[in-house]
Amino acid sequence: MNTYQDSVKSLLNIEVGIKTLENVKVILYNMFGQVVLSTKTNISNGQLTLRVATLSHGTYQAHIHTSDQVLVKRVVKQ
């Protein structure tokens, strides 16, 4: 799983190994374990995109809940 942000740092793109269209729940935690974002979205072509413009700079942990697993990825917002 790879993550990358666009040049304006408002979108977080997460590549996952799921190539089929699937509904997922994404929960973003700050380093204190507080939920800062919780949303349902679709994985399309192995990728999902989150709007993170309102989040403060820092390190977060993304938990991606699929139908049969939970993927965890650490991300840094600059």
N, C-alpha and C. Protein backbone atom coordinates (compact mmCIF):
# COMPACT_ATOMS: atom_id res chain seq x y z
N MET A 1 0.85 -1.16 0.00
CA MET A 1 0.00 0.00 0.00
C MET A 1 0.90 1.23 0.00
N ASN A 2 0.65 2.15 -0.90
CA ASN A 2 1.41 3.39 -1.00
C ASN A 2 0.50 4.57 -0.73
N THR A 3 1.06 5.66 -0.21
CA THR A 3 0.30 6.90 -0.04
C THR A 3 1.07 8.02 -0.69
N TYR A 4 0.33 9.00 -1.19
CA TYR A 4 0.96 10.20 -1.73
C TYR A 4 -0.05 11.33 -1.72
N GLN A 5 0.46 12.56 -1.63
CA GLN A 5 -0.39 13.74 -1.58
C GLN A 5 -0.17 14.57 -2.82
N ASP A 6 -1.21 15.32 -3.21
CA ASP A 6 -1.07 16.20 -4.37
C ASP A 6 -0.25 17.43 -4.00
N SER A 7 0.05 18.27 -4.99
CA SER A 7 0.95 19.40 -4.77
C SER A 7 0.37 20.46 -3.85
N VAL A 8 -0.95 20.58 -3.75
CA VAL A 8 -1.53 21.58 -2.86
C VAL A 8 -1.81 21.00 -1.48
N LYS A 9 -1.50 19.72 -1.30
CA LYS A 9 -1.60 19.06 0.00
C LYS A 9 -3.01 19.06 0.56
N SER A 10 -3.99 19.00 -0.32
CA SER A 10 -5.37 18.94 0.15
C SER A 10 -6.00 17.57 -0.06
N LEU A 11 -5.36 16.74 -0.87
CA LEU A 11 -5.87 15.40 -1.13
C LEU A 11 -4.85 14.36 -0.72
N LEU A 12 -5.33 13.32 -0.07
CA LEU A 12 -4.49 12.18 0.29
C LEU A 12 -4.94 11.00 -0.55
N ASN A 13 -4.05 10.46 -1.34
CA ASN A 13 -4.34 9.30 -2.17
C ASN A 13 -3.66 8.08 -1.56
N ILE A 14 -4.43 7.02 -1.40
CA ILE A 14 -3.90 5.79 -0.82
C ILE A 14 -4.11 4.67 -1.83
N GLU A 15 -3.01 4.05 -2.21
CA GLU A 15 -3.06 2.89 -3.10
C GLU A 15 -3.18 1.65 -2.24
N VAL A 16 -4.18 0.83 -2.56
CA VAL A 16 -4.36 -0.44 -1.84
C VAL A 16 -4.33 -1.57 -2.86
N GLY A 17 -4.14 -2.76 -2.40
CA GLY A 17 -4.02 -3.90 -3.31
C GLY A 17 -5.35 -4.44 -3.81
N ILE A 18 -6.42 -3.70 -3.63
CA ILE A 18 -7.75 -4.15 -4.05
C ILE A 18 -8.08 -3.50 -5.38
N LYS A 19 -8.23 -4.30 -6.42
CA LYS A 19 -8.45 -3.76 -7.76
C LYS A 19 -9.93 -3.67 -8.13
N THR A 20 -10.80 -4.33 -7.37
CA THR A 20 -12.23 -4.28 -7.68
C THR A 20 -12.87 -3.09 -6.96
N LEU A 21 -14.01 -2.64 -7.47
CA LEU A 21 -14.76 -1.56 -6.84
C LEU A 21 -15.31 -2.09 -5.52
N GLU A 22 -14.99 -1.42 -4.44
CA GLU A 22 -15.44 -1.87 -3.13
C GLU A 22 -15.70 -0.68 -2.23
N ASN A 23 -16.80 -0.76 -1.45
CA ASN A 23 -17.08 0.24 -0.43
C ASN A 23 -16.20 -0.03 0.77
N VAL A 24 -15.60 1.01 1.31
CA VAL A 24 -14.76 0.88 2.50
C VAL A 24 -15.08 2.00 3.48
N LYS A 25 -14.75 1.77 4.73
CA LYS A 25 -14.84 2.81 5.74
C LYS A 25 -13.41 3.19 6.10
N VAL A 26 -13.13 4.49 6.10
CA VAL A 26 -11.80 4.98 6.42
C VAL A 26 -11.90 5.82 7.70
N ILE A 27 -11.06 5.49 8.66
CA ILE A 27 -10.98 6.25 9.90
C ILE A 27 -9.55 6.76 10.02
N LEU A 28 -9.41 8.06 10.20
CA LEU A 28 -8.09 8.69 10.35
C LEU A 28 -7.93 9.10 11.80
N TYR A 29 -6.84 8.64 12.43
CA TYR A 29 -6.55 8.95 13.83
C TYR A 29 -5.33 9.86 13.91
N ASN A 30 -5.36 10.80 14.87
CA ASN A 30 -4.15 11.57 15.13
C ASN A 30 -3.25 10.75 16.05
N MET A 31 -2.10 11.26 16.41
CA MET A 31 -1.14 10.49 17.21
C MET A 31 -1.57 10.33 18.66
N PHE A 32 -2.67 10.98 19.07
CA PHE A 32 -3.22 10.80 20.40
C PHE A 32 -4.32 9.74 20.41
N GLY A 33 -4.58 9.14 19.24
CA GLY A 33 -5.62 8.12 19.13
C GLY A 33 -7.01 8.68 18.94
N GLN A 34 -7.12 9.98 18.70
CA GLN A 34 -8.42 10.62 18.50
C GLN A 34 -8.82 10.52 17.03
N VAL A 35 -10.10 10.23 16.80
CA VAL A 35 -10.61 10.18 15.43
C VAL A 35 -10.74 11.60 14.90
N VAL A 36 -10.07 11.89 13.78
CA VAL A 36 -10.14 13.21 13.18
C VAL A 36 -10.91 13.20 11.86
N LEU A 37 -11.14 12.00 11.32
CA LEU A 37 -11.90 11.87 10.08
C LEU A 37 -12.46 10.46 10.02
N SER A 38 -13.74 10.35 9.71
CA SER A 38 -14.37 9.05 9.51
C SER A 38 -15.31 9.19 8.33
N THR A 39 -15.11 8.36 7.32
CA THR A 39 -15.92 8.49 6.11
C THR A 39 -16.05 7.14 5.42
N LYS A 40 -17.09 7.02 4.63
CA LYS A 40 -17.25 5.85 3.76
C LYS A 40 -16.97 6.31 2.34
N THR A 41 -16.24 5.51 1.59
CA THR A 41 -15.88 5.86 0.23
C THR A 41 -15.69 4.59 -0.58
N ASN A 42 -15.40 4.75 -1.84
CA ASN A 42 -15.16 3.61 -2.72
C ASN A 42 -13.69 3.51 -3.09
N ILE A 43 -13.21 2.27 -3.17
CA ILE A 43 -11.91 2.02 -3.77
C ILE A 43 -12.17 1.79 -5.25
N SER A 44 -11.50 2.52 -6.09
CA SER A 44 -11.65 2.38 -7.53
C SER A 44 -10.26 2.23 -8.14
N ASN A 45 -10.07 1.20 -8.93
CA ASN A 45 -8.77 0.93 -9.55
C ASN A 45 -7.64 0.85 -8.53
N GLY A 46 -7.95 0.30 -7.37
CA GLY A 46 -6.93 0.11 -6.35
C GLY A 46 -6.52 1.35 -5.60
N GLN A 47 -7.34 2.41 -5.67
CA GLN A 47 -6.95 3.68 -5.04
C GLN A 47 -8.16 4.34 -4.39
N LEU A 48 -7.92 5.02 -3.28
CA LEU A 48 -8.95 5.87 -2.69
C LEU A 48 -8.36 7.24 -2.41
N THR A 49 -9.21 8.25 -2.42
CA THR A 49 -8.77 9.63 -2.24
C THR A 49 -9.57 10.26 -1.10
N LEU A 50 -8.86 10.94 -0.20
CA LEU A 50 -9.50 11.65 0.91
C LEU A 50 -9.13 13.12 0.86
N ARG A 51 -10.09 13.97 1.19
CA ARG A 51 -9.82 15.41 1.30
C ARG A 51 -9.30 15.68 2.72
N VAL A 52 -8.10 16.22 2.81
CA VAL A 52 -7.47 16.45 4.11
C VAL A 52 -7.07 17.91 4.31
N ALA A 53 -7.62 18.80 3.53
CA ALA A 53 -7.22 20.21 3.60
C ALA A 53 -7.48 20.82 4.97
N THR A 54 -8.51 20.35 5.68
CA THR A 54 -8.86 20.94 6.98
C THR A 54 -8.04 20.37 8.13
N LEU A 55 -7.26 19.34 7.88
CA LEU A 55 -6.46 18.74 8.95
C LEU A 55 -5.19 19.54 9.20
N SER A 56 -4.77 19.56 10.45
CA SER A 56 -3.51 20.20 10.82
C SER A 56 -2.34 19.38 10.30
N HIS A 57 -1.20 20.04 10.19
CA HIS A 57 0.02 19.33 9.82
C HIS A 57 0.33 18.30 10.90
N GLY A 58 0.80 17.15 10.49
CA GLY A 58 1.17 16.14 11.48
C GLY A 58 1.10 14.74 10.92
N THR A 59 1.28 13.78 11.82
CA THR A 59 1.27 12.37 11.46
C THR A 59 -0.06 11.76 11.87
N TYR A 60 -0.62 10.97 11.00
CA TYR A 60 -1.91 10.33 11.22
C TYR A 60 -1.80 8.85 10.88
N GLN A 61 -2.78 8.10 11.37
CA GLN A 61 -2.86 6.69 11.03
C GLN A 61 -4.22 6.45 10.37
N ALA A 62 -4.18 5.91 9.15
CA ALA A 62 -5.40 5.62 8.40
C ALA A 62 -5.74 4.15 8.57
N HIS A 63 -6.97 3.88 9.02
CA HIS A 63 -7.48 2.52 9.12
C HIS A 63 -8.53 2.36 8.04
N ILE A 64 -8.29 1.46 7.10
CA ILE A 64 -9.19 1.24 5.97
C ILE A 64 -9.88 -0.10 6.18
N HIS A 65 -11.18 -0.05 6.46
CA HIS A 65 -11.96 -1.25 6.74
C HIS A 65 -12.63 -1.73 5.45
N THR A 66 -12.18 -2.88 4.94
CA THR A 66 -12.79 -3.49 3.76
C THR A 66 -13.75 -4.57 4.24
N SER A 67 -14.31 -5.32 3.30
CA SER A 67 -15.25 -6.37 3.66
C SER A 67 -14.60 -7.50 4.45
N ASP A 68 -13.29 -7.70 4.29
CA ASP A 68 -12.66 -8.84 4.96
C ASP A 68 -11.33 -8.53 5.66
N GLN A 69 -10.94 -7.26 5.74
CA GLN A 69 -9.68 -6.93 6.40
C GLN A 69 -9.64 -5.46 6.80
N VAL A 70 -8.68 -5.14 7.64
CA VAL A 70 -8.41 -3.75 8.02
C VAL A 70 -6.97 -3.45 7.63
N LEU A 71 -6.80 -2.47 6.77
CA LEU A 71 -5.47 -2.03 6.35
C LEU A 71 -5.10 -0.80 7.17
N VAL A 72 -3.87 -0.74 7.65
CA VAL A 72 -3.42 0.38 8.47
C VAL A 72 -2.20 1.00 7.80
N LYS A 73 -2.24 2.33 7.67
CA LYS A 73 -1.14 3.04 7.02
C LYS A 73 -0.88 4.34 7.76
N ARG A 74 0.38 4.64 8.03
CA ARG A 74 0.76 5.91 8.65
C ARG A 74 0.97 6.93 7.54
N VAL A 75 0.41 8.12 7.72
CA VAL A 75 0.54 9.19 6.73
C VAL A 75 0.98 10.47 7.41
N VAL A 76 1.67 11.31 6.67
CA VAL A 76 2.14 12.60 7.18
C VAL A 76 1.55 13.70 6.33
N LYS A 77 0.86 14.64 6.99
CA LYS A 77 0.31 15.82 6.29
C LYS A 77 1.28 16.96 6.51
N GLN A 78 1.73 17.58 5.40
CA GLN A 78 2.70 18.68 5.50
C GLN A 78 2.05 20.01 5.26
